[in-house]
Each structure stands twice: as structure tokens, then as C-alpha cells.
Protein backbone atom coordinates (compact mmCIF):
# COMPACT_ATOMS: atom_id res chain seq x y z
CA MET A 1 3.32 -2.68 -0.22
CA ALA A 2 -0.32 -1.58 0.70
CA ASP A 3 1.79 1.47 1.84
CA TYR A 4 3.50 2.12 -1.52
CA ALA A 5 -0.11 1.21 -3.42
CA GLY A 6 -1.51 4.19 -1.43
CA GLU A 7 1.42 6.37 -2.66
CA GLU A 8 0.25 5.69 -5.87
CA ASN A 9 -3.56 6.84 -5.31
CA ILE A 10 -4.56 2.99 -5.49
CA ALA A 11 -7.31 2.03 -2.73
CA VAL A 12 -6.47 -1.04 -0.75
CA GLU A 13 -9.09 -3.23 1.32
CA TRP A 14 -7.37 -5.51 3.31
CA HIS A 15 -8.23 -9.25 4.22
CA ASP A 16 -6.61 -11.77 6.33
CA PRO A 17 -8.28 -15.22 5.62
CA ARG A 18 -5.27 -17.31 7.19
CA THR A 19 -5.95 -16.73 10.56
CA ALA A 20 -8.51 -19.29 11.25
CA LEU A 21 -10.53 -21.76 9.24
CA SER A 22 -13.61 -19.75 10.17
CA ALA A 23 -11.77 -16.76 8.83
CA SER A 24 -11.22 -18.27 5.53
CA ALA A 25 -15.06 -19.14 5.10
CA ARG A 26 -15.98 -15.75 6.16
CA VAL A 27 -13.59 -13.89 3.49
CA ILE A 28 -14.70 -16.18 0.52
CA ALA A 29 -18.22 -15.60 1.81
CA GLU A 30 -17.60 -11.71 1.61
CA LEU A 31 -15.34 -11.73 -1.49
CA ARG A 32 -17.18 -14.22 -4.08
CA PRO A 33 -19.95 -11.50 -4.88
CA GLN A 34 -17.37 -8.91 -5.64
CA VAL A 35 -15.27 -11.30 -7.55
CA ALA A 36 -18.07 -12.39 -9.65
CA ASP A 37 -19.10 -8.79 -10.65
CA ALA A 38 -15.64 -7.39 -11.14
CA HIS A 39 -15.05 -6.26 -14.67
CA THR A 40 -11.43 -7.24 -14.40
CA LEU A 41 -9.68 -9.70 -11.97
CA LEU A 42 -5.91 -9.20 -11.03
CA LEU A 43 -4.75 -12.54 -9.38
CA GLY A 44 -1.35 -13.47 -7.98
CA ASP A 45 -1.31 -16.71 -7.32
CA PRO A 46 -3.57 -18.85 -9.73
CA PHE A 47 -2.50 -22.15 -7.83
CA SER A 48 -3.80 -21.19 -4.35
CA GLY A 49 -6.61 -23.13 -3.09
CA LEU A 50 -7.86 -19.87 -1.59
CA ILE A 51 -7.85 -18.09 -5.11
CA GLN A 52 -9.27 -21.12 -6.50
CA ALA A 53 -12.29 -20.99 -4.40
CA LEU A 54 -12.65 -17.25 -4.94
CA LEU A 55 -13.17 -17.84 -8.77
CA PRO A 56 -16.62 -17.43 -10.32
CA ARG A 57 -18.39 -19.57 -12.60
CA PRO A 58 -16.44 -20.12 -16.01
CA GLY A 59 -17.09 -17.02 -18.48
CA ASN A 60 -15.81 -14.20 -20.44
CA GLN A 61 -14.50 -12.26 -17.82
CA GLN A 62 -11.06 -10.31 -18.08
CA VAL A 63 -8.46 -11.64 -15.81
CA VAL A 64 -4.78 -10.85 -15.48
CA VAL A 65 -2.43 -12.96 -13.58
CA VAL A 66 0.22 -10.92 -12.06
CA ASP A 67 3.19 -13.37 -11.05
CA ASP A 68 7.00 -13.07 -11.43
CA GLY A 69 7.52 -16.59 -9.82
CA THR A 70 8.54 -19.75 -11.42
CA ALA A 71 5.08 -21.28 -11.04
CA THR A 72 4.23 -18.86 -13.85
CA LEU A 73 6.08 -21.22 -16.21
CA GLU A 74 4.11 -24.07 -15.06
CA PHE A 75 0.88 -22.26 -15.18
CA ALA A 76 1.26 -21.35 -18.68
CA ALA A 77 2.45 -24.70 -19.54
CA GLN A 78 -0.44 -26.69 -17.98
CA LEU A 79 -2.86 -24.20 -19.55
CA ALA A 80 -1.70 -24.87 -23.07
CA ALA A 81 -1.61 -28.62 -22.52
CA GLY A 82 -5.10 -28.58 -20.94
CA GLU A 83 -4.04 -30.15 -17.79
CA ARG A 84 -5.43 -29.67 -14.37
CA LEU A 85 -3.65 -26.86 -12.47
CA ARG A 86 -0.92 -27.98 -9.88
CA ARG A 87 2.43 -26.59 -8.45
CA TRP A 88 5.51 -28.20 -10.04
CA HIS A 89 6.98 -29.83 -6.72
CA GLY A 90 3.37 -31.09 -5.86
CA ARG A 91 2.73 -34.89 -5.38
CA SER A 92 -0.94 -35.62 -5.48
CA PHE A 93 -4.08 -33.97 -4.97
CA GLY A 94 -6.83 -34.32 -2.17
CA PRO A 95 -10.25 -34.57 -3.18
CA VAL A 96 -11.12 -30.84 -2.47
CA ARG A 97 -8.44 -29.37 -4.19
CA ALA A 98 -8.70 -31.52 -7.14
CA VAL A 99 -12.22 -30.18 -7.81
CA LEU A 100 -11.01 -26.80 -7.03
CA ALA A 101 -8.17 -27.13 -9.53
CA GLU A 102 -10.20 -28.52 -12.07
CA ARG A 103 -12.77 -25.76 -11.77
CA ALA A 104 -9.83 -23.23 -11.91
CA ARG A 105 -8.61 -24.74 -15.16
CA ARG A 106 -12.12 -24.41 -16.87
CA PHE A 107 -12.32 -20.81 -15.75
CA PHE A 108 -8.90 -19.87 -17.11
CA ASP A 109 -9.87 -21.65 -20.40
CA THR A 110 -12.78 -19.47 -20.94
CA ALA A 111 -11.45 -15.87 -19.56
CA ARG A 112 -9.88 -13.38 -21.53
CA LEU A 113 -6.64 -13.98 -19.84
CA GLN A 114 -3.15 -12.32 -19.78
CA LEU A 115 -0.17 -12.79 -17.87
CA PHE A 116 1.84 -10.00 -16.59
CA THR A 117 5.32 -11.02 -16.11
CA VAL A 118 8.98 -11.14 -16.51
CA MET A 119 9.17 -14.75 -16.82
CA ALA A 120 10.07 -16.52 -20.12
CA VAL A 121 6.46 -17.83 -20.92
CA THR A 122 6.26 -20.57 -23.46
CA GLY A 123 3.16 -22.08 -24.93
CA LEU A 124 0.56 -19.15 -24.93
CA PRO A 125 -0.04 -16.84 -27.96
CA PRO A 126 2.09 -13.71 -27.63
CA SER A 127 -0.78 -11.31 -27.59
CA ARG A 128 -1.89 -13.27 -23.90
CA VAL A 129 1.58 -12.25 -22.17
CA GLN A 130 2.57 -8.57 -21.46
CA ARG A 131 6.25 -8.39 -20.23
CA HIS A 132 7.62 -5.79 -17.86
CA SER A 133 11.15 -5.05 -16.71
CA TYR A 134 10.85 -3.67 -13.23
CA ALA A 135 10.91 -0.04 -14.43
CA TRP A 136 8.62 1.31 -11.44
CA THR A 137 10.93 -0.51 -8.80
CA ARG A 138 14.16 0.97 -10.22
CA HIS A 139 12.55 4.47 -10.62
CA ARG A 140 11.06 4.46 -7.24
CA PHE A 141 14.03 3.45 -5.04
CA GLY A 142 16.97 5.29 -7.03
CA GLN A 143 20.23 3.81 -7.39
CA VAL A 144 21.52 0.58 -5.91
CA ARG A 145 23.76 0.72 -3.00
CA THR A 146 26.63 -1.50 -2.96
CA ARG A 147 28.81 -3.00 -0.11
CA PRO A 148 31.73 -5.86 0.00
CA GLY A 149 30.81 -9.24 0.50
CA VAL A 150 28.16 -12.04 -0.12
CA ASP A 151 24.60 -12.08 0.58
CA VAL A 152 22.65 -15.33 0.22
CA ILE A 153 18.92 -15.39 -1.24
CA GLY A 154 16.98 -17.86 0.81
CA SER A 155 14.86 -20.60 -0.68
CA SER A 156 11.66 -22.82 0.26
CA LEU A 157 13.17 -26.03 -1.20
CA VAL A 158 13.21 -27.42 2.03
CA GLU A 159 9.65 -26.70 3.17
CA THR A 160 8.16 -27.82 -0.39
CA GLY A 161 10.11 -31.43 0.39
CA VAL A 162 12.49 -30.89 -2.54
CA VAL A 163 15.99 -30.85 -0.89
CA ARG A 164 17.21 -32.41 2.24
CA PRO A 165 17.40 -29.75 5.48
CA GLY A 166 21.16 -30.91 6.04
CA ALA A 167 21.99 -30.73 2.75
CA TYR A 168 20.33 -27.55 2.22
CA LEU A 169 22.53 -26.14 5.55
CA ASP A 170 25.81 -27.61 4.08
CA ALA A 171 25.07 -25.85 0.55
CA VAL A 172 24.30 -22.47 2.38
CA ALA A 173 27.61 -22.99 4.60
CA ALA A 174 29.55 -23.45 1.54
CA LEU A 175 28.71 -19.99 0.30
CA ALA A 176 29.58 -18.49 3.31
CA ILE A 177 32.79 -20.05 3.97
CA ASP A 178 35.17 -17.46 2.69
CA GLY A 179 34.54 -15.12 5.75
CA SER A 180 32.85 -12.43 3.42
CA ALA A 181 29.35 -13.35 3.89
CA GLY A 182 26.85 -10.69 5.18
CA ARG A 183 22.92 -11.50 4.96
CA TYR A 184 20.62 -14.28 4.61
CA PHE A 185 17.29 -12.91 3.27
CA ALA A 186 14.76 -15.68 4.37
CA HIS A 187 11.91 -17.17 2.41
CA ARG A 188 8.76 -16.30 4.15
CA ARG A 189 8.09 -19.94 4.32
CA GLU A 190 11.43 -20.91 6.20
CA SER A 191 10.98 -21.75 9.89
CA ALA A 192 12.71 -19.70 12.97
CA GLU A 193 14.28 -23.18 14.01
CA LYS A 194 16.04 -23.49 10.47
CA LEU A 195 16.95 -20.19 10.22
CA ASP A 196 18.42 -20.32 13.80
CA ARG A 197 20.60 -22.90 12.32
CA ILE A 198 21.76 -21.18 9.58
CA ALA A 199 23.06 -18.28 11.52
CA THR A 200 24.77 -20.29 14.06
CA GLN A 201 26.46 -22.36 11.41
CA THR A 202 27.29 -19.79 8.53
CA GLY A 203 27.47 -16.52 10.38
CA LEU A 204 25.02 -15.06 8.21
CA GLU A 205 22.86 -12.15 9.41
CA ILE A 206 19.12 -13.34 9.15
CA VAL A 207 16.73 -10.85 7.57
CA ARG A 208 13.26 -11.50 7.09
CA PRO A 209 11.87 -8.76 4.41
CA SER A 210 8.78 -6.97 4.94
CA VAL A 211 8.50 -6.41 1.06
CA PRO A 212 8.82 -8.54 -1.89
CA LEU A 213 12.81 -9.07 -2.32
CA GLU A 214 13.17 -7.08 -5.45
CA VAL A 215 12.01 -4.15 -3.40
CA GLU A 216 14.20 -4.80 -0.43
CA LEU A 217 17.18 -4.63 -2.72
CA ARG A 218 16.69 -1.63 -4.23
CA ARG A 219 15.84 0.23 -0.92
CA THR A 220 18.92 -1.25 1.21
CA PRO A 221 22.43 -1.86 0.40
CA VAL A 222 23.13 -5.13 -1.25
CA ALA A 223 26.32 -7.05 -1.36
CA ALA A 224 28.58 -6.81 -4.52
CA ARG A 225 27.65 -10.70 -4.88
CA LEU A 226 24.60 -12.56 -4.64
CA ALA A 227 24.08 -16.40 -4.46
CA SER A 228 20.60 -18.28 -4.89
CA PHE A 229 19.21 -21.62 -5.54
CA PRO A 230 17.25 -21.96 -8.79
CA SER A 231 14.30 -19.69 -8.56
CA SER A 232 12.45 -16.66 -9.62
CA VAL A 233 15.52 -14.47 -8.74
CA GLY A 234 17.31 -15.45 -11.73
CA TYR A 235 14.83 -13.86 -13.74
CA THR A 236 13.78 -10.85 -11.64
CA LEU A 237 17.20 -9.62 -9.98
CA PRO A 238 18.95 -9.12 -13.22
CA LEU A 239 16.13 -6.46 -14.25
CA VAL A 240 15.97 -4.94 -10.58
CA LEU A 241 19.68 -4.72 -10.35
CA ALA A 242 20.62 -3.92 -13.92
CA GLY A 243 23.64 -1.60 -14.01
CA SER A 244 24.64 -2.01 -10.46
CA GLY A 245 27.45 -4.31 -11.13
CA VAL A 246 26.16 -7.05 -8.90
CA ARG A 247 27.30 -10.54 -9.42
CA ILE A 248 24.49 -13.02 -9.23
CA SER A 249 25.13 -16.80 -8.90
CA VAL A 250 22.56 -19.31 -9.06
CA GLN A 251 23.70 -22.48 -7.59
CA PRO A 252 22.70 -25.75 -9.47
CA ILE A 253 20.97 -28.47 -7.54
CA PRO A 254 23.40 -31.64 -7.24
CA GLU A 255 21.65 -35.18 -7.15
CA GLU A 256 22.76 -35.84 -3.45
CA MET A 257 20.78 -32.80 -2.38
CA PHE A 258 17.38 -33.98 -3.36
CA ALA A 259 15.02 -35.64 -0.73
CA GLU A 260 13.69 -38.97 -1.15
CA GLY A 261 10.86 -39.50 -3.30
CA VAL A 262 11.10 -35.96 -5.26
CA THR A 263 9.62 -36.50 -8.57
CA GLN A 264 11.41 -36.34 -11.97
CA ARG A 265 9.10 -33.66 -12.77
CA ALA A 266 10.32 -31.44 -10.08
CA ARG A 267 14.20 -32.17 -10.92
CA SER A 268 13.34 -31.74 -14.74
CA PHE A 269 11.69 -28.15 -13.61
CA LEU A 270 14.85 -27.04 -11.70
CA ALA A 271 17.22 -27.93 -14.25
CA ARG A 272 14.98 -25.97 -16.79
CA LEU A 273 15.53 -23.08 -14.57
CA GLY A 274 19.10 -23.30 -14.81
CA ASP A 275 19.00 -23.34 -18.60
CA ASP A 276 16.93 -20.38 -18.56
CA VAL A 277 19.65 -18.48 -16.32
CA ARG A 278 22.05 -19.26 -19.18
CA THR A 279 19.86 -17.55 -21.49
CA THR A 280 19.16 -14.57 -19.27
CA ALA A 281 23.01 -14.04 -18.78
CA ARG A 282 23.36 -13.20 -22.52
CA VAL A 283 20.67 -10.67 -22.42
CA ALA A 284 22.10 -7.24 -22.66
CA GLY A 285 21.32 -4.55 -20.20
CA ARG A 286 20.91 -6.66 -17.10
CA ALA A 287 22.88 -7.39 -14.04
CA ARG A 288 25.36 -10.32 -14.46
CA VAL A 289 24.03 -13.87 -14.09
CA GLU A 290 25.64 -17.13 -13.92
CA LEU A 291 25.28 -20.76 -12.90
CA ALA A 292 28.32 -21.85 -11.13
CA THR A 293 28.79 -22.47 -7.52
CA LEU A 294 30.30 -19.26 -5.64
CA THR A 295 33.37 -19.96 -3.68
């Protein structure tokens, strides 16, 4: 994406804090003064511990959270309720993360905050939410090219401990059972071992996109049918693939798929995503979306 930013005359300075603990400390030390002095901050993940460690003292700073993930819904809801920030699938805080999360909540409470998103955000004043429609993506990559078959959108539900690995594999296999399956677009958190099992059992071709999925599906041919589990793609892909005729099926999570100990909060959140998909399906001008098992 830095290459695309360069095409738009945006200067990019690259930092990689995750190579080692010392690298994280070095990046935080280098960037905190710049972050504190910035007139406007654009943040991609307000739940990230690294991002929270970079935030300056609470003040009247202009902040734009740019995020089309489902976490945006929880972020807005938690801000409106005055809650400590935590991801929807999280179970508990360690002491360091608890301090960072509380500090981040105070920072966002005092900032001049806006959300830039496609998500159906509620709980915040409309003036603080700027909606977009992926107009740049559609213009930049032209018409969608389709091909027969089914592509499956991967999920990190196993990695976050929400669903059982075996149940997830069986569900993916069921999506490919008619023999017309094509590719499996892996989530960045999915392990190589898990993906090998999916490829062996389902015959799906594993693809690890080097760019966000919304860009990948505009710049390469996409199957006429897409299948996913409840996630942000139920919101983004109908806009990205508008007018293409691609059918998008978001599969509900049955009770037997959930892992032991999954919180009711996580279950309710996934159910709410399904309800939102039904609403999305009724919005004119978007790709067709449905909440139903694809067979």
C-alpha cells in the first residue's frame, strides 16, 4: 500500500516495530515526540497496544480513526459508554494493557475525534462520523473481472479463540463441497499449518494477499460467488464489488462451532453482525449480500 500511496504523492516513512521487543521500544521512543507534535493524527487501530503506547497526553488534538473493521463498532460503543477500550473477543486485561487502555480512553475522550469508515456506527454524534464508499478503490482498479466458482474469505476466528479449529475446517470444507471452489483468501493471522490443512481437505487454492482484501478483489479476477463468516467484509465488499453481479454469502456461526469459554459478549457481537448484513442487503447500489449457508 505504500507503493500506491507514492502514486498519490503521499510521503511514507516506514517503521517495523514487531521484529523484536527492542525494536518496539526504539520505534516508540522515536515516534512519540512526532506524534505529540502532530496537528492531526490518523490512526488505524485504536485497540493496538503499540498505538496506545504512542498516544500523547490527553488534550485537544485532532484525531481521525481510519478503520473499516468490525472493531470500529465496538470502539464507538465503548467510547459512548465511557468504557475502557478492549477488543470484542478479549477475555481479560494484563496490568500493562489495562493501564494503556485506560489512558487511551482518556485521550480519545478529550480529542477532537472523527471516524472515517464504512461501518454502521451508532452511539456517536453524526458530525463525528465520516462515511465513505470505496470510490478511490473502484476508480483506481477499474471494472471487476469475474470467473465461475466459489472463493472463500478466510477468518481469524480460530486464532482469536472464538471457534474450534476442527469445526472451522469442516465449515470451510462444506463451502467447497460442490467442486466449484476456487481460492481461499487467508487472513493475515492464519498459520501456515492451518492453511495447509484447509488446502488438503478442501482443494481450495490458498492466497495470502499482499494488500487489503478490498484492493485484491478489484485488481484480480474474483469468483461469481464469495463466502465468508461474519466480519467486516459484509460491509466493505458490497461497496467494493458494486455493480459486478458477485454474490456474497455471509455464513452464520452455529452454536456448535463456538470454542469452550467464549463470552456471551463475543457471541452477541457476531449475531449483531449478521443482523447488520441483512440491513446491508437491502441497500440499493451494492453487491448482493445474504445471510445463508452456501451450498
